[in-house]
Amino acid sequence: MIKGIIFCVCFLVAQLFALSYIDHRLGHSESATRQAVTAQNNQRQRESEEEEQA
């Protein structure tokens, strides 16, 4: 019975590390996507401001 509890705890810890790793990987790709979208929006705003001034 003790072996089963130890196995269960080890399995849960392994899942926690795996999910943490996946979350870490996805978190970085989302922030890169957000930065790219923000840069594109800023460029479009500058172009529209230049057209209005001309």
Protein backbone atom coordinates (compact mmCIF):
# COMPACT_ATOMS: atom_id res chain seq x y z
CA MET A 1 0.00 0.00 0.00
CA ILE A 2 2.85 2.40 0.80
CA LYS A 3 4.40 1.61 -2.60
CA GLY A 4 1.14 2.60 -4.30
CA ILE A 5 0.96 5.91 -2.45
CA ILE A 6 4.59 6.70 -3.26
CA PHE A 7 4.01 5.82 -6.92
CA CYS A 8 0.91 8.03 -7.01
CA VAL A 9 2.74 10.99 -5.48
CA CYS A 10 5.68 10.58 -7.88
CA PHE A 11 3.30 10.40 -10.83
CA LEU A 12 1.50 13.57 -9.73
CA VAL A 13 4.81 15.43 -9.32
CA ALA A 14 5.90 14.31 -12.80
CA GLN A 15 2.61 15.62 -14.24
CA LEU A 16 3.09 18.92 -12.45
CA PHE A 17 6.55 19.37 -13.96
CA ALA A 18 5.29 18.40 -17.43
CA LEU A 19 2.40 20.87 -17.28
CA SER A 20 4.67 23.58 -15.94
CA TYR A 21 7.08 23.01 -18.84
CA ILE A 22 4.25 23.13 -21.40
CA ASP A 23 2.84 26.29 -19.83
CA HIS A 24 6.27 27.90 -19.88
CA ARG A 25 6.75 27.06 -23.57
CA LEU A 26 3.30 28.32 -24.58
CA GLY A 27 3.64 31.46 -22.48
CA HIS A 28 6.73 32.58 -24.36
CA SER A 29 5.23 32.02 -27.81
CA GLU A 30 2.11 34.01 -26.88
CA SER A 31 4.16 36.96 -25.66
CA ALA A 32 6.15 36.94 -28.91
CA THR A 33 2.89 36.93 -30.87
CA ARG A 34 1.56 39.82 -28.81
CA GLN A 35 4.74 41.82 -29.42
CA ALA A 36 4.51 41.26 -33.18
CA VAL A 37 0.86 42.31 -33.30
CA THR A 38 1.60 45.41 -31.22
CA ALA A 39 4.45 46.38 -33.53
CA GLN A 40 2.22 46.02 -36.59
CA ASN A 41 -0.52 48.12 -34.99
CA ASN A 42 1.96 50.87 -34.09
CA GLN A 43 3.27 50.97 -37.66
CA ARG A 44 -0.27 51.25 -39.07
CA GLN A 45 -1.07 54.07 -36.67
CA ARG A 46 2.04 55.97 -37.74
CA GLU A 47 1.16 55.52 -41.41
CA SER A 48 -2.38 56.75 -40.87
CA GLU A 49 -1.11 59.77 -38.90
CA GLU A 50 1.33 60.63 -41.69
CA GLU A 51 -1.48 60.43 -44.27
CA GLU A 52 -3.64 62.74 -42.18
CA GLN A 53 -0.83 65.29 -41.85
CA ALA A 54 -0.07 65.30 -45.59
